[in-house]
């Protein structure tokens, strides 16, 4: 029977290996949780890469900063703009009135 060489660092390496396996399992659990959250949400791969950034797409680690898609421009009617302008003019008039009273 061949002899097995024992290394003085074998216990340290075994401990490190078990610790890394625990970290891997924790990360896998987080990945599974995120996949479950995303289940049913459709997102194109190009949009996912754009949200994460080009560094993550290349396999490099990067801080994940997901940006919301740009909002659509809201269009107000002419009447709504006039109402808003009139209300703002009233607010400023009241403000100026209070300034003069003080």
PDB file of N, CA and C in Angstrom:
ATOM      1  N   UNK A   1       0.830  -1.160   0.000  1.00  0.00           N
ATOM      2  CA  UNK A   1       0.000   0.000   0.000  1.00  0.00           C
ATOM      3  C   UNK A   1       0.893   1.248   0.000  1.00  0.00           C
ATOM      4  N   UNK A   2       0.588   2.250  -0.893  1.00  0.00           N
ATOM      5  CA  UNK A   2       1.433   3.435  -0.925  1.00  0.00           C
ATOM      6  C   UNK A   2       1.168   4.326   0.290  1.00  0.00           C
ATOM      7  N   UNK A   3       2.234   4.969   0.715  1.00  0.00           N
ATOM      8  CA  UNK A   3       2.116   5.887   1.843  1.00  0.00           C
ATOM      9  C   UNK A   3       1.518   7.211   1.376  1.00  0.00           C
ATOM     10  N   UNK A   4       0.662   7.776   2.214  1.00  0.00           N
ATOM     11  CA  UNK A   4       0.073   9.076   1.920  1.00  0.00           C
ATOM     12  C   UNK A   4       0.921  10.127   2.615  1.00  0.00           C
ATOM     13  N   UNK A   5       1.379  11.102   1.823  1.00  0.00           N
ATOM     14  CA  UNK A   5       2.183  12.171   2.399  1.00  0.00           C
ATOM     15  C   UNK A   5       1.258  13.137   3.133  1.00  0.00           C
ATOM     16  N   UNK A   6       1.640  13.482   4.354  1.00  0.00           N
ATOM     17  CA  UNK A   6       0.833  14.444   5.091  1.00  0.00           C
ATOM     18  C   UNK A   6       1.567  15.770   5.118  1.00  0.00           C
ATOM     19  N   UNK A   7       0.823  16.812   4.865  1.00  0.00           N
ATOM     20  CA  UNK A   7       1.378  18.150   4.834  1.00  0.00           C
ATOM     21  C   UNK A   7       1.101  18.823   6.170  1.00  0.00           C
ATOM     22  N   UNK A   8       2.039  19.637   6.660  1.00  0.00           N
ATOM     23  CA  UNK A   8       1.761  20.334   7.927  1.00  0.00           C
ATOM     24  C   UNK A   8       0.610  21.333   7.792  1.00  0.00           C
ATOM     25  N   UNK A   9       0.288  21.692   6.562  1.00  0.00           N
ATOM     26  CA  UNK A   9      -0.775  22.662   6.328  1.00  0.00           C
ATOM     27  C   UNK A   9      -2.083  21.995   5.909  1.00  0.00           C
ATOM     28  N   UNK A  10      -2.151  20.693   5.989  1.00  0.00           N
ATOM     29  CA  UNK A  10      -3.338  19.975   5.522  1.00  0.00           C
ATOM     30  C   UNK A  10      -4.586  20.384   6.295  1.00  0.00           C
ATOM     31  N   UNK A  11      -4.479  20.555   7.600  1.00  0.00           N
ATOM     32  CA  UNK A  11      -5.648  20.928   8.403  1.00  0.00           C
ATOM     33  C   UNK A  11      -6.120  22.337   8.037  1.00  0.00           C
ATOM     34  N   UNK A  12      -5.169  23.234   7.813  1.00  0.00           N
ATOM     35  CA  UNK A  12      -5.523  24.605   7.439  1.00  0.00           C
ATOM     36  C   UNK A  12      -6.217  24.612   6.086  1.00  0.00           C
ATOM     37  N   UNK A  13      -5.659  23.836   5.150  1.00  0.00           N
ATOM     38  CA  UNK A  13      -6.267  23.774   3.823  1.00  0.00           C
ATOM     39  C   UNK A  13      -7.652  23.151   3.871  1.00  0.00           C
ATOM     40  N   UNK A  14      -7.828  22.128   4.697  1.00  0.00           N
ATOM     41  CA  UNK A  14      -9.137  21.485   4.824  1.00  0.00           C
ATOM     42  C   UNK A  14     -10.149  22.462   5.408  1.00  0.00           C
ATOM     43  N   UNK A  15      -9.721  23.235   6.407  1.00  0.00           N
ATOM     44  CA  UNK A  15     -10.616  24.229   7.002  1.00  0.00           C
ATOM     45  C   UNK A  15     -10.982  25.304   5.981  1.00  0.00           C
ATOM     46  N   UNK A  16      -9.976  25.783   5.242  1.00  0.00           N
ATOM     47  CA  UNK A  16     -10.235  26.801   4.221  1.00  0.00           C
ATOM     48  C   UNK A  16     -11.199  26.274   3.170  1.00  0.00           C
ATOM     49  N   UNK A  17     -11.006  25.029   2.765  1.00  0.00           N
ATOM     50  CA  UNK A  17     -11.888  24.428   1.766  1.00  0.00           C
ATOM     51  C   UNK A  17     -13.327  24.347   2.274  1.00  0.00           C
ATOM     52  N   UNK A  18     -13.494  23.908   3.509  1.00  0.00           N
ATOM     53  CA  UNK A  18     -14.860  23.803   4.041  1.00  0.00           C
ATOM     54  C   UNK A  18     -15.507  25.181   4.166  1.00  0.00           C
ATOM     55  N   UNK A  19     -14.719  26.187   4.558  1.00  0.00           N
ATOM     56  CA  UNK A  19     -15.246  27.547   4.671  1.00  0.00           C
ATOM     57  C   UNK A  19     -15.660  28.089   3.300  1.00  0.00           C
ATOM     58  N   UNK A  20     -14.835  27.869   2.295  1.00  0.00           N
ATOM     59  CA  UNK A  20     -15.167  28.331   0.947  1.00  0.00           C
ATOM     60  C   UNK A  20     -16.400  27.619   0.399  1.00  0.00           C
ATOM     61  N   UNK A  21     -16.542  26.339   0.728  1.00  0.00           N
ATOM     62  CA  UNK A  21     -17.737  25.611   0.280  1.00  0.00           C
ATOM     63  C   UNK A  21     -18.990  26.168   0.941  1.00  0.00           C
ATOM     64  N   UNK A  22     -18.883  26.576   2.206  1.00  0.00           N
ATOM     65  CA  UNK A  22     -20.021  27.199   2.883  1.00  0.00           C
ATOM     66  C   UNK A  22     -20.379  28.522   2.226  1.00  0.00           C
ATOM     67  N   UNK A  23     -19.368  29.328   1.887  1.00  0.00           N
ATOM     68  CA  UNK A  23     -19.623  30.593   1.199  1.00  0.00           C
ATOM     69  C   UNK A  23     -20.280  30.351  -0.152  1.00  0.00           C
ATOM     70  N   UNK A  24     -19.799  29.337  -0.882  1.00  0.00           N
ATOM     71  CA  UNK A  24     -20.385  29.009  -2.178  1.00  0.00           C
ATOM     72  C   UNK A  24     -21.849  28.648  -2.023  1.00  0.00           C
ATOM     73  N   UNK A  25     -22.173  27.859  -0.996  1.00  0.00           N
ATOM     74  CA  UNK A  25     -23.561  27.460  -0.772  1.00  0.00           C
ATOM     75  C   UNK A  25     -24.437  28.668  -0.433  1.00  0.00           C
ATOM     76  N   UNK A  26     -23.890  29.602   0.361  1.00  0.00           N
ATOM     77  CA  UNK A  26     -24.651  30.808   0.714  1.00  0.00           C
ATOM     78  C   UNK A  26     -24.896  31.664  -0.523  1.00  0.00           C
ATOM     79  N   UNK A  27     -23.879  31.799  -1.374  1.00  0.00           N
ATOM     80  CA  UNK A  27     -24.028  32.582  -2.606  1.00  0.00           C
ATOM     81  C   UNK A  27     -25.034  31.907  -3.536  1.00  0.00           C
ATOM     82  N   UNK A  28     -24.979  30.581  -3.625  1.00  0.00           N
ATOM     83  CA  UNK A  28     -25.926  29.860  -4.475  1.00  0.00           C
ATOM     84  C   UNK A  28     -27.351  30.054  -3.968  1.00  0.00           C
ATOM     85  N   UNK A  29     -27.529  30.078  -2.647  1.00  0.00           N
ATOM     86  CA  UNK A  29     -28.864  30.306  -2.081  1.00  0.00           C
ATOM     87  C   UNK A  29     -29.362  31.703  -2.454  1.00  0.00           C
ATOM     88  N   UNK A  30     -28.466  32.709  -2.412  1.00  0.00           N
ATOM     89  CA  UNK A  30     -28.858  34.064  -2.800  1.00  0.00           C
ATOM     90  C   UNK A  30     -29.216  34.129  -4.282  1.00  0.00           C
ATOM     91  N   UNK A  31     -28.442  33.433  -5.111  1.00  0.00           N
ATOM     92  CA  UNK A  31     -28.726  33.400  -6.553  1.00  0.00           C
ATOM     93  C   UNK A  31     -30.091  32.781  -6.790  1.00  0.00           C
ATOM     94  N   UNK A  32     -30.374  31.678  -6.103  1.00  0.00           N
ATOM     95  CA  UNK A  32     -31.673  31.016  -6.267  1.00  0.00           C
ATOM     96  C   UNK A  32     -32.816  31.936  -5.824  1.00  0.00           C
ATOM     97  N   UNK A  33     -32.593  32.697  -4.746  1.00  0.00           N
ATOM     98  CA  UNK A  33     -33.620  33.623  -4.265  1.00  0.00           C
ATOM     99  C   UNK A  33     -33.892  34.704  -5.312  1.00  0.00           C
ATOM    100  N   UNK A  34     -32.845  35.262  -5.888  1.00  0.00           N
ATOM    101  CA  UNK A  34     -33.011  36.303  -6.911  1.00  0.00           C
ATOM    102  C   UNK A  34     -33.703  35.740  -8.139  1.00  0.00           C
ATOM    103  N   UNK A  35     -33.336  34.536  -8.542  1.00  0.00           N
ATOM    104  CA  UNK A  35     -33.994  33.910  -9.691  1.00  0.00           C
ATOM    105  C   UNK A  35     -35.472  33.714  -9.417  1.00  0.00           C
ATOM    106  N   UNK A  36     -35.802  33.349  -8.189  1.00  0.00           N
ATOM    107  CA  UNK A  36     -37.205  33.166  -7.822  1.00  0.00           C
ATOM    108  C   UNK A  36     -37.952  34.490  -7.883  1.00  0.00           C
ATOM    109  N   UNK A  37     -37.288  35.592  -7.429  1.00  0.00           N
ATOM    110  CA  UNK A  37     -37.910  36.912  -7.482  1.00  0.00           C
ATOM    111  C   UNK A  37     -38.139  37.352  -8.926  1.00  0.00           C
ATOM    112  N   UNK A  38     -37.216  37.000  -9.800  1.00  0.00           N
ATOM    113  CA  UNK A  38     -37.316  37.414 -11.200  1.00  0.00           C
ATOM    114  C   UNK A  38     -38.237  36.517 -12.019  1.00  0.00           C
ATOM    115  N   UNK A  39     -38.673  35.429 -11.440  1.00  0.00           N
ATOM    116  CA  UNK A  39     -39.526  34.488 -12.166  1.00  0.00           C
ATOM    117  C   UNK A  39     -40.792  35.210 -12.625  1.00  0.00           C
ATOM    118  N   UNK A  40     -41.053  35.150 -13.887  1.00  0.00           N
ATOM    119  CA  UNK A  40     -42.238  35.780 -14.437  1.00  0.00           C
ATOM    120  C   UNK A  40     -41.997  37.198 -14.919  1.00  0.00           C
ATOM    121  N   UNK A  41     -40.840  37.777 -14.578  1.00  0.00           N
ATOM    122  CA  UNK A  41     -40.527  39.120 -15.061  1.00  0.00           C
ATOM    123  C   UNK A  41     -39.685  38.970 -16.313  1.00  0.00           C
ATOM    124  N   UNK A  42     -40.146  39.562 -17.394  1.00  0.00           N
ATOM    125  CA  UNK A  42     -39.391  39.458 -18.642  1.00  0.00           C
ATOM    126  C   UNK A  42     -38.444  40.639 -18.761  1.00  0.00           C
ATOM    127  N   UNK A  43     -37.193  40.335 -19.056  1.00  0.00           N
ATOM    128  CA  UNK A  43     -36.199  41.370 -19.298  1.00  0.00           C
ATOM    129  C   UNK A  43     -35.263  40.840 -20.368  1.00  0.00           C
ATOM    130  N   UNK A  44     -34.997  41.659 -21.353  1.00  0.00           N
ATOM    131  CA  UNK A  44     -34.141  41.205 -22.437  1.00  0.00           C
ATOM    132  C   UNK A  44     -32.699  41.123 -21.952  1.00  0.00           C
ATOM    133  N   UNK A  45     -31.900  40.191 -22.475  1.00  0.00           N
ATOM    134  CA  UNK A  45     -30.511  40.076 -22.058  1.00  0.00           C
ATOM    135  C   UNK A  45     -29.721  41.355 -22.291  1.00  0.00           C
ATOM    136  N   UNK A  46     -30.009  42.088 -23.365  1.00  0.00           N
ATOM    137  CA  UNK A  46     -29.301  43.332 -23.640  1.00  0.00           C
ATOM    138  C   UNK A  46     -29.606  44.368 -22.567  1.00  0.00           C
ATOM    139  N   UNK A  47     -30.856  44.436 -22.127  1.00  0.00           N
ATOM    140  CA  UNK A  47     -31.245  45.402 -21.096  1.00  0.00           C
ATOM    141  C   UNK A  47     -30.626  45.008 -19.753  1.00  0.00           C
ATOM    142  N   UNK A  48     -30.546  43.709 -19.471  1.00  0.00           N
ATOM    143  CA  UNK A  48     -29.934  43.262 -18.218  1.00  0.00           C
ATOM    144  C   UNK A  48     -28.462  43.629 -18.184  1.00  0.00           C
ATOM    145  N   UNK A  49     -27.766  43.452 -19.298  1.00  0.00           N
ATOM    146  CA  UNK A  49     -26.346  43.796 -19.372  1.00  0.00           C
ATOM    147  C   UNK A  49     -26.172  45.297 -19.243  1.00  0.00           C
ATOM    148  N   UNK A  50     -27.043  46.071 -19.862  1.00  0.00           N
ATOM    149  CA  UNK A  50     -26.947  47.524 -19.791  1.00  0.00           C
ATOM    150  C   UNK A  50     -27.190  48.001 -18.365  1.00  0.00           C
ATOM    151  N   UNK A  51     -28.081  47.330 -17.643  1.00  0.00           N
ATOM    152  CA  UNK A  51     -28.378  47.731 -16.268  1.00  0.00           C
ATOM    153  C   UNK A  51     -27.209  47.430 -15.344  1.00  0.00           C
ATOM    154  N   UNK A  52     -26.506  46.337 -15.593  1.00  0.00           N
ATOM    155  CA  UNK A  52     -25.400  45.939 -14.730  1.00  0.00           C
ATOM    156  C   UNK A  52     -24.121  46.635 -15.137  1.00  0.00           C
ATOM    157  N   UNK A  53     -23.928  46.840 -16.423  1.00  0.00           N
ATOM    158  CA  UNK A  53     -22.730  47.523 -16.910  1.00  0.00           C
ATOM    159  C   UNK A  53     -21.880  46.593 -17.741  1.00  0.00           C
ATOM    160  N   UNK A  54     -21.013  47.153 -18.563  1.00  0.00           N
ATOM    161  CA  UNK A  54     -20.206  46.332 -19.454  1.00  0.00           C
ATOM    162  C   UNK A  54     -19.169  45.493 -18.719  1.00  0.00           C
ATOM    163  N   UNK A  55     -18.688  45.936 -17.554  1.00  0.00           N
ATOM    164  CA  UNK A  55     -17.679  45.174 -16.819  1.00  0.00           C
ATOM    165  C   UNK A  55     -18.229  43.823 -16.388  1.00  0.00           C
ATOM    166  N   UNK A  56     -19.485  43.797 -15.939  1.00  0.00           N
ATOM    167  CA  UNK A  56     -20.087  42.545 -15.502  1.00  0.00           C
ATOM    168  C   UNK A  56     -20.342  41.630 -16.691  1.00  0.00           C
ATOM    169  N   UNK A  57     -20.630  42.190 -17.840  1.00  0.00           N
ATOM    170  CA  UNK A  57     -20.874  41.376 -19.027  1.00  0.00           C
ATOM    171  C   UNK A  57     -19.600  40.668 -19.463  1.00  0.00           C
ATOM    172  N   UNK A  58     -18.452  41.281 -19.189  1.00  0.00           N
ATOM    173  CA  UNK A  58     -17.182  40.693 -19.568  1.00  0.00           C
ATOM    174  C   UNK A  58     -16.672  39.722 -18.517  1.00  0.00           C
ATOM    175  N   UNK A  59     -17.403  39.560 -17.426  1.00  0.00           N
ATOM    176  CA  UNK A  59     -16.988  38.630 -16.401  1.00  0.00           C
ATOM    177  C   UNK A  59     -16.223  39.275 -15.263  1.00  0.00           C
ATOM    178  N   UNK A  60     -15.989  40.564 -15.331  1.00  0.00           N
ATOM    179  CA  UNK A  60     -15.290  41.259 -14.264  1.00  0.00           C
ATOM    180  C   UNK A  60     -16.289  41.590 -13.175  1.00  0.00           C
ATOM    181  N   UNK A  61     -15.782  41.715 -11.949  1.00  0.00           N
ATOM    182  CA  UNK A  61     -16.685  42.087 -10.875  1.00  0.00           C
ATOM    183  C   UNK A  61     -16.953  43.579 -10.956  1.00  0.00           C
ATOM    184  N   UNK A  62     -18.188  43.941 -10.681  1.00  0.00           N
ATOM    185  CA  UNK A  62     -18.575  45.347 -10.722  1.00  0.00           C
ATOM    186  C   UNK A  62     -19.686  45.558  -9.721  1.00  0.00           C
ATOM    187  N   UNK A  63     -19.773  46.758  -9.180  1.00  0.00           N
ATOM    188  CA  UNK A  63     -20.886  47.085  -8.303  1.00  0.00           C
ATOM    189  C   UNK A  63     -22.141  47.130  -9.147  1.00  0.00           C
ATOM    190  N   UNK A  64     -23.165  46.462  -8.683  1.00  0.00           N
ATOM    191  CA  UNK A  64     -24.400  46.409  -9.447  1.00  0.00           C
ATOM    192  C   UNK A  64     -25.247  47.617  -9.095  1.00  0.00           C
ATOM    193  N   UNK A  65     -25.496  48.445 -10.082  1.00  0.00           N
ATOM    194  CA  UNK A  65     -26.337  49.620  -9.900  1.00  0.00           C
ATOM    195  C   UNK A  65     -27.392  49.585 -10.993  1.00  0.00           C
ATOM    196  N   UNK A  66     -28.529  49.050 -10.650  1.00  0.00           N
ATOM    197  CA  UNK A  66     -29.598  48.911 -11.627  1.00  0.00           C
ATOM    198  C   UNK A  66     -30.307  50.250 -11.756  1.00  0.00           C
ATOM    199  N   UNK A  67     -30.388  50.749 -12.958  1.00  0.00           N
ATOM    200  CA  UNK A  67     -31.045  52.016 -13.206  1.00  0.00           C
ATOM    201  C   UNK A  67     -32.433  51.765 -13.777  1.00  0.00           C
ATOM    202  N   UNK A  68     -33.360  52.593 -13.379  1.00  0.00           N
ATOM    203  CA  UNK A  68     -34.716  52.478 -13.898  1.00  0.00           C
ATOM    204  C   UNK A  68     -34.735  52.969 -15.338  1.00  0.00           C
ATOM    205  N   UNK A  69     -35.604  52.409 -16.146  1.00  0.00           N
ATOM    206  CA  UNK A  69     -35.700  52.894 -17.524  1.00  0.00           C
ATOM    207  C   UNK A  69     -36.171  54.337 -17.527  1.00  0.00           C
ATOM    208  N   UNK A  70     -35.769  55.114 -18.521  1.00  0.00           N
ATOM    209  CA  UNK A  70     -36.165  56.523 -18.551  1.00  0.00           C
ATOM    210  C   UNK A  70     -37.683  56.663 -18.642  1.00  0.00           C
ATOM    211  N   UNK A  71     -38.193  57.672 -17.932  1.00  0.00           N
ATOM    212  CA  UNK A  71     -39.635  57.902 -17.934  1.00  0.00           C
ATOM    213  C   UNK A  71     -40.064  58.527 -19.250  1.00  0.00           C
ATOM    214  N   UNK A  72     -41.301  58.238 -19.608  1.00  0.00           N
ATOM    215  CA  UNK A  72     -41.860  58.873 -20.801  1.00  0.00           C
ATOM    216  C   UNK A  72     -42.169  60.320 -20.474  1.00  0.00           C
ATOM    217  N   UNK A  73     -42.029  61.181 -21.456  1.00  0.00           N
ATOM    218  CA  UNK A  73     -42.314  62.597 -21.258  1.00  0.00           C
ATOM    219  C   UNK A  73     -43.813  62.778 -21.090  1.00  0.00           C
ATOM    220  N   UNK A  74     -44.174  63.480 -20.011  1.00  0.00           N
ATOM    221  CA  UNK A  74     -45.589  63.734 -19.771  1.00  0.00           C
ATOM    222  C   UNK A  74     -45.996  65.000 -20.508  1.00  0.00           C
ATOM    223  N   UNK A  75     -47.131  64.945 -21.129  1.00  0.00           N
ATOM    224  CA  UNK A  75     -47.615  66.081 -21.907  1.00  0.00           C
ATOM    225  C   UNK A  75     -48.831  66.667 -21.206  1.00  0.00           C
ATOM    226  N   UNK A  76     -48.755  67.967 -20.898  1.00  0.00           N
ATOM    227  CA  UNK A  76     -49.873  68.660 -20.271  1.00  0.00           C
ATOM    228  C   UNK A  76     -50.675  69.407 -21.326  1.00  0.00           C
ATOM    229  N   UNK A  77     -51.947  69.484 -21.061  1.00  0.00           N
ATOM    230  CA  UNK A  77     -52.787  70.266 -21.969  1.00  0.00           C
ATOM    231  C   UNK A  77     -52.554  71.745 -21.696  1.00  0.00           C
ATOM    232  N   UNK A  78     -52.981  72.573 -22.624  1.00  0.00           N
ATOM    233  CA  UNK A  78     -52.845  74.031 -22.478  1.00  0.00           C
ATOM    234  C   UNK A  78     -53.599  74.509 -21.236  1.00  0.00           C
ATOM    235  N   UNK A  79     -54.791  73.964 -21.001  1.00  0.00           N
ATOM    236  CA  UNK A  79     -55.595  74.370 -19.845  1.00  0.00           C
ATOM    237  C   UNK A  79     -54.878  73.987 -18.539  1.00  0.00           C
ATOM    238  N   UNK A  80     -54.280  72.818 -18.509  1.00  0.00           N
ATOM    239  CA  UNK A  80     -53.571  72.382 -17.302  1.00  0.00           C
ATOM    240  C   UNK A  80     -52.369  73.286 -17.021  1.00  0.00           C
ATOM    241  N   UNK A  81     -51.637  73.647 -18.064  1.00  0.00           N
ATOM    242  CA  UNK A  81     -50.492  74.555 -17.891  1.00  0.00           C
ATOM    243  C   UNK A  81     -50.951  75.899 -17.338  1.00  0.00           C
ATOM    244  N   UNK A  82     -52.088  76.404 -17.836  1.00  0.00           N
ATOM    245  CA  UNK A  82     -52.611  77.697 -17.358  1.00  0.00           C
ATOM    246  C   UNK A  82     -53.027  77.602 -15.898  1.00  0.00           C
ATOM    247  N   UNK A  83     -53.683  76.504 -15.507  1.00  0.00           N
ATOM    248  CA  UNK A  83     -54.080  76.331 -14.104  1.00  0.00           C
ATOM    249  C   UNK A  83     -52.855  76.289 -13.192  1.00  0.00           C
ATOM    250  N   UNK A  84     -51.831  75.558 -13.606  1.00  0.00           N
ATOM    251  CA  UNK A  84     -50.610  75.453 -12.810  1.00  0.00           C
ATOM    252  C   UNK A  84     -49.933  76.817 -12.695  1.00  0.00           C
ATOM    253  N   UNK A  85     -49.845  77.540 -13.794  1.00  0.00           N
ATOM    254  CA  UNK A  85     -49.223  78.869 -13.784  1.00  0.00           C
ATOM    255  C   UNK A  85     -49.991  79.816 -12.872  1.00  0.00           C
ATOM    256  N   UNK A  86     -51.325  79.787 -12.944  1.00  0.00           N
ATOM    257  CA  UNK A  86     -52.135  80.672 -12.110  1.00  0.00           C
ATOM    258  C   UNK A  86     -51.948  80.332 -10.631  1.00  0.00           C
ATOM    259  N   UNK A  87     -51.918  79.065 -10.304  1.00  0.00           N
ATOM    260  CA  UNK A  87     -51.725  78.653  -8.917  1.00  0.00           C
ATOM    261  C   UNK A  87     -50.356  79.092  -8.409  1.00  0.00           C
ATOM    262  N   UNK A  88     -49.335  78.953  -9.234  1.00  0.00           N
ATOM    263  CA  UNK A  88     -47.995  79.369  -8.828  1.00  0.00           C
ATOM    264  C   UNK A  88     -47.920  80.880  -8.633  1.00  0.00           C
ATOM    265  N   UNK A  89     -48.591  81.640  -9.498  1.00  0.00           N
ATOM    266  CA  UNK A  89     -48.615  83.099  -9.347  1.00  0.00           C
ATOM    267  C   UNK A  89     -49.299  83.486  -8.039  1.00  0.00           C
ATOM    268  N   UNK A  90     -50.392  82.773  -7.683  1.00  0.00           N
ATOM    269  CA  UNK A  90     -51.069  83.049  -6.411  1.00  0.00           C
ATOM    270  C   UNK A  90     -50.131  82.758  -5.231  1.00  0.00           C
ATOM    271  N   UNK A  91     -49.403  81.619  -5.304  1.00  0.00           N
ATOM    272  CA  UNK A  91     -48.479  81.279  -4.217  1.00  0.00           C
ATOM    273  C   UNK A  91     -47.400  82.341  -4.058  1.00  0.00           C
ATOM    274  N   UNK A  92     -46.838  82.796  -5.172  1.00  0.00           N
ATOM    275  CA  UNK A  92     -45.791  83.821  -5.098  1.00  0.00           C
ATOM    276  C   UNK A  92     -46.354  85.139  -4.576  1.00  0.00           C
ATOM    277  N   UNK A  93     -47.565  85.480  -4.969  1.00  0.00           N
ATOM    278  CA  UNK A  93     -48.184  86.715  -4.482  1.00  0.00           C
ATOM    279  C   UNK A  93     -48.357  86.651  -2.966  1.00  0.00           C
ATOM    280  N   UNK A  94     -48.814  85.509  -2.442  1.00  0.00           N
ATOM    281  CA  UNK A  94     -48.955  85.339  -1.001  1.00  0.00           C
ATOM    282  C   UNK A  94     -47.593  85.422  -0.318  1.00  0.00           C
ATOM    283  N   UNK A  95     -46.588  84.831  -0.920  1.00  0.00           N
ATOM    284  CA  UNK A  95     -45.236  84.858  -0.354  1.00  0.00           C
ATOM    285  C   UNK A  95     -44.720  86.302  -0.264  1.00  0.00           C
ATOM    286  N   UNK A  96     -44.900  87.050  -1.346  1.00  0.00           N
ATOM    287  CA  UNK A  96     -44.445  88.449  -1.356  1.00  0.00           C
ATOM    288  C   UNK A  96     -45.218  89.287  -0.331  1.00  0.00           C
ATOM    289  N   UNK A  97     -46.517  88.985  -0.186  1.00  0.00           N
ATOM    290  CA  UNK A  97     -47.346  89.695   0.780  1.00  0.00           C
ATOM    291  C   UNK A  97     -46.833  89.457   2.206  1.00  0.00           C
ATOM    292  N   UNK A  98     -46.467  88.214   2.489  1.00  0.00           N
ATOM    293  CA  UNK A  98     -45.936  87.887   3.817  1.00  0.00           C
ATOM    294  C   UNK A  98     -44.578  88.559   4.032  1.00  0.00           C
ATOM    295  N   UNK A  99     -43.766  88.628   2.989  1.00  0.00           N
ATOM    296  CA  UNK A  99     -42.454  89.262   3.100  1.00  0.00           C
ATOM    297  C   UNK A  99     -42.611  90.748   3.445  1.00  0.00           C
ATOM    298  N   UNK A 100     -43.565  91.431   2.826  1.00  0.00           N
ATOM    299  CA  UNK A 100     -43.779  92.853   3.086  1.00  0.00           C
ATOM    300  C   UNK A 100     -44.336  93.069   4.499  1.00  0.00           C
ATOM    301  N   UNK A 101     -45.153  92.137   5.001  1.00  0.00           N
ATOM    302  CA  UNK A 101     -45.758  92.272   6.313  1.00  0.00           C
ATOM    303  C   UNK A 101     -44.719  92.102   7.421  1.00  0.00           C
ATOM    304  N   UNK A 102     -43.679  91.389   7.177  1.00  0.00           N
ATOM    305  CA  UNK A 102     -42.649  91.121   8.214  1.00  0.00           C
ATOM    306  C   UNK A 102     -41.700  92.225   8.359  1.00  0.00           C
TER     307      UNK A 102
END
